[in-house]
Amino acid sequence: MNVWDEAIHAYGKEIQNLKNILGDGGAEDYSNYQNIVGTIKGIEWSRQTLVEMVKRLHTENEED
C-alpha cells in the first residue's frame, strides 16, 4: 500500500467513524450535528479529489 492508498483509507475510516457517531446519536445538539455533517462533507470532498488526482497521475505516467 502506498502513501496515496493509506491517505484514502484513512479518510474513509474517519468518514465511517463520524457516520457511526451520528448513527449512535452522538451529536450533542443541532449545532454539533451540523459540524459533524460538515466535517464529513469536507473529508469526502478531500478523499474524492485525492482519488481523482492519483488516477490522473497514473494516466499521465502510463502515457509517458
N, C-alpha and C. Protein backbone atom coordinates (compact mmCIF):
# COMPACT_ATOMS: atom_id res chain seq x y z
N MET A 1 0.85 -1.18 0.00
CA MET A 1 0.00 0.00 0.00
C MET A 1 0.90 1.24 0.00
N ASN A 2 0.65 2.13 -0.93
CA ASN A 2 1.46 3.35 -0.99
C ASN A 2 0.83 4.47 -0.16
N VAL A 3 1.49 5.59 -0.12
CA VAL A 3 1.05 6.69 0.73
C VAL A 3 -0.33 7.21 0.30
N TRP A 4 -0.61 7.19 -1.01
CA TRP A 4 -1.91 7.66 -1.50
C TRP A 4 -3.02 6.74 -1.01
N ASP A 5 -2.79 5.44 -1.13
CA ASP A 5 -3.78 4.47 -0.67
C ASP A 5 -4.01 4.58 0.84
N GLU A 6 -2.94 4.81 1.57
CA GLU A 6 -3.06 4.97 3.02
C GLU A 6 -3.89 6.20 3.37
N ALA A 7 -3.67 7.30 2.66
CA ALA A 7 -4.43 8.53 2.91
C ALA A 7 -5.90 8.31 2.57
N ILE A 8 -6.18 7.69 1.44
CA ILE A 8 -7.56 7.43 1.04
C ILE A 8 -8.24 6.51 2.06
N HIS A 9 -7.52 5.51 2.51
CA HIS A 9 -8.06 4.59 3.53
C HIS A 9 -8.33 5.33 4.84
N ALA A 10 -7.41 6.20 5.25
CA ALA A 10 -7.59 6.96 6.49
C ALA A 10 -8.79 7.88 6.39
N TYR A 11 -8.97 8.53 5.23
CA TYR A 11 -10.15 9.37 5.03
C TYR A 11 -11.43 8.54 5.18
N GLY A 12 -11.44 7.36 4.55
CA GLY A 12 -12.60 6.50 4.61
C GLY A 12 -12.92 6.06 6.04
N LYS A 13 -11.89 5.72 6.80
CA LYS A 13 -12.09 5.32 8.20
C LYS A 13 -12.67 6.45 9.02
N GLU A 14 -12.17 7.67 8.81
CA GLU A 14 -12.67 8.81 9.58
C GLU A 14 -14.11 9.14 9.21
N ILE A 15 -14.43 9.05 7.93
CA ILE A 15 -15.80 9.28 7.48
C ILE A 15 -16.73 8.27 8.17
N GLN A 16 -16.34 7.00 8.15
CA GLN A 16 -17.16 5.97 8.78
C GLN A 16 -17.29 6.20 10.28
N ASN A 17 -16.22 6.61 10.93
CA ASN A 17 -16.26 6.90 12.35
C ASN A 17 -17.27 8.02 12.65
N LEU A 18 -17.23 9.08 11.87
CA LEU A 18 -18.15 10.20 12.08
C LEU A 18 -19.60 9.79 11.81
N LYS A 19 -19.80 8.97 10.78
CA LYS A 19 -21.16 8.49 10.48
C LYS A 19 -21.67 7.61 11.62
N ASN A 20 -20.78 6.82 12.20
CA ASN A 20 -21.17 6.00 13.35
C ASN A 20 -21.58 6.86 14.54
N ILE A 21 -20.85 7.94 14.75
CA ILE A 21 -21.20 8.87 15.84
C ILE A 21 -22.60 9.41 15.63
N LEU A 22 -22.90 9.82 14.39
CA LEU A 22 -24.24 10.33 14.10
C LEU A 22 -25.29 9.23 14.26
N GLY A 23 -24.99 8.05 13.75
CA GLY A 23 -25.92 6.94 13.83
C GLY A 23 -26.22 6.50 15.25
N ASP A 24 -25.26 6.68 16.12
CA ASP A 24 -25.43 6.30 17.53
C ASP A 24 -26.03 7.42 18.36
N GLY A 25 -26.41 8.52 17.69
CA GLY A 25 -26.99 9.65 18.41
C GLY A 25 -25.97 10.46 19.19
N GLY A 26 -24.73 10.47 18.71
CA GLY A 26 -23.65 11.11 19.43
C GLY A 26 -23.59 12.62 19.31
N ALA A 27 -24.39 13.19 18.42
CA ALA A 27 -24.39 14.65 18.31
C ALA A 27 -25.10 15.24 19.53
N GLU A 28 -24.42 16.13 20.22
CA GLU A 28 -24.95 16.70 21.45
C GLU A 28 -26.15 17.61 21.22
N ASP A 29 -26.10 18.35 20.11
CA ASP A 29 -27.19 19.26 19.76
C ASP A 29 -27.14 19.49 18.25
N TYR A 30 -28.03 20.32 17.75
CA TYR A 30 -28.11 20.55 16.31
C TYR A 30 -26.84 21.18 15.76
N SER A 31 -26.25 22.08 16.51
CA SER A 31 -25.01 22.73 16.09
C SER A 31 -23.89 21.69 15.94
N ASN A 32 -23.79 20.78 16.88
CA ASN A 32 -22.79 19.72 16.82
C ASN A 32 -23.07 18.79 15.64
N TYR A 33 -24.35 18.49 15.40
CA TYR A 33 -24.77 17.68 14.26
C TYR A 33 -24.29 18.34 12.96
N GLN A 34 -24.56 19.63 12.82
CA GLN A 34 -24.15 20.36 11.62
C GLN A 34 -22.64 20.33 11.44
N ASN A 35 -21.91 20.47 12.53
CA ASN A 35 -20.46 20.44 12.48
C ASN A 35 -19.96 19.08 12.00
N ILE A 36 -20.53 18.01 12.51
CA ILE A 36 -20.11 16.66 12.11
C ILE A 36 -20.43 16.42 10.64
N VAL A 37 -21.63 16.81 10.22
CA VAL A 37 -22.01 16.63 8.81
C VAL A 37 -21.09 17.44 7.90
N GLY A 38 -20.77 18.65 8.30
CA GLY A 38 -19.86 19.48 7.50
C GLY A 38 -18.47 18.87 7.42
N THR A 39 -18.03 18.28 8.51
CA THR A 39 -16.73 17.61 8.52
C THR A 39 -16.74 16.42 7.57
N ILE A 40 -17.82 15.64 7.61
CA ILE A 40 -17.95 14.50 6.70
C ILE A 40 -17.89 14.98 5.26
N LYS A 41 -18.64 16.02 4.94
CA LYS A 41 -18.65 16.54 3.57
C LYS A 41 -17.26 17.00 3.13
N GLY A 42 -16.55 17.66 4.03
CA GLY A 42 -15.20 18.13 3.72
C GLY A 42 -14.23 16.99 3.49
N ILE A 43 -14.30 15.98 4.33
CA ILE A 43 -13.40 14.82 4.17
C ILE A 43 -13.75 14.07 2.90
N GLU A 44 -15.05 13.91 2.61
CA GLU A 44 -15.45 13.23 1.38
C GLU A 44 -14.94 13.98 0.15
N TRP A 45 -15.03 15.32 0.17
CA TRP A 45 -14.51 16.11 -0.94
C TRP A 45 -13.00 15.90 -1.08
N SER A 46 -12.30 15.94 0.02
CA SER A 46 -10.84 15.76 0.00
C SER A 46 -10.48 14.38 -0.53
N ARG A 47 -11.19 13.37 -0.05
CA ARG A 47 -10.93 12.00 -0.48
C ARG A 47 -11.17 11.85 -1.98
N GLN A 48 -12.29 12.36 -2.47
CA GLN A 48 -12.61 12.24 -3.89
C GLN A 48 -11.59 13.01 -4.75
N THR A 49 -11.20 14.18 -4.30
CA THR A 49 -10.20 14.97 -5.03
C THR A 49 -8.88 14.23 -5.10
N LEU A 50 -8.47 13.61 -4.00
CA LEU A 50 -7.22 12.85 -3.98
C LEU A 50 -7.31 11.65 -4.93
N VAL A 51 -8.44 10.95 -4.92
CA VAL A 51 -8.63 9.80 -5.81
C VAL A 51 -8.49 10.24 -7.27
N GLU A 52 -9.12 11.34 -7.62
CA GLU A 52 -9.05 11.85 -9.00
C GLU A 52 -7.63 12.26 -9.37
N MET A 53 -6.92 12.89 -8.45
CA MET A 53 -5.54 13.30 -8.71
C MET A 53 -4.63 12.10 -8.93
N VAL A 54 -4.80 11.06 -8.12
CA VAL A 54 -3.99 9.85 -8.25
C VAL A 54 -4.27 9.17 -9.58
N LYS A 55 -5.56 9.08 -9.96
CA LYS A 55 -5.91 8.49 -11.25
C LYS A 55 -5.27 9.26 -12.39
N ARG A 56 -5.35 10.58 -12.32
CA ARG A 56 -4.76 11.42 -13.37
C ARG A 56 -3.25 11.22 -13.43
N LEU A 57 -2.62 11.13 -12.28
CA LEU A 57 -1.17 10.92 -12.22
C LEU A 57 -0.80 9.59 -12.85
N HIS A 58 -1.55 8.54 -12.55
CA HIS A 58 -1.28 7.22 -13.12
C HIS A 58 -1.49 7.24 -14.64
N THR A 59 -2.52 7.94 -15.08
CA THR A 59 -2.79 8.03 -16.51
C THR A 59 -1.66 8.76 -17.23
N GLU A 60 -1.20 9.85 -16.65
CA GLU A 60 -0.10 10.62 -17.26
C GLU A 60 1.18 9.79 -17.30
N ASN A 61 1.44 9.02 -16.25
CA ASN A 61 2.65 8.19 -16.21
C ASN A 61 2.57 7.07 -17.23
N GLU A 62 1.40 6.53 -17.49
CA GLU A 62 1.24 5.46 -18.48
C GLU A 62 1.44 5.97 -19.89
N GLU A 63 1.11 7.24 -20.12
CA GLU A 63 1.27 7.83 -21.45
C GLU A 63 2.72 8.13 -21.78
N ASP A 64 3.53 8.31 -20.76
CA ASP A 64 4.97 8.65 -20.98
C ASP A 64 5.78 7.45 -21.35
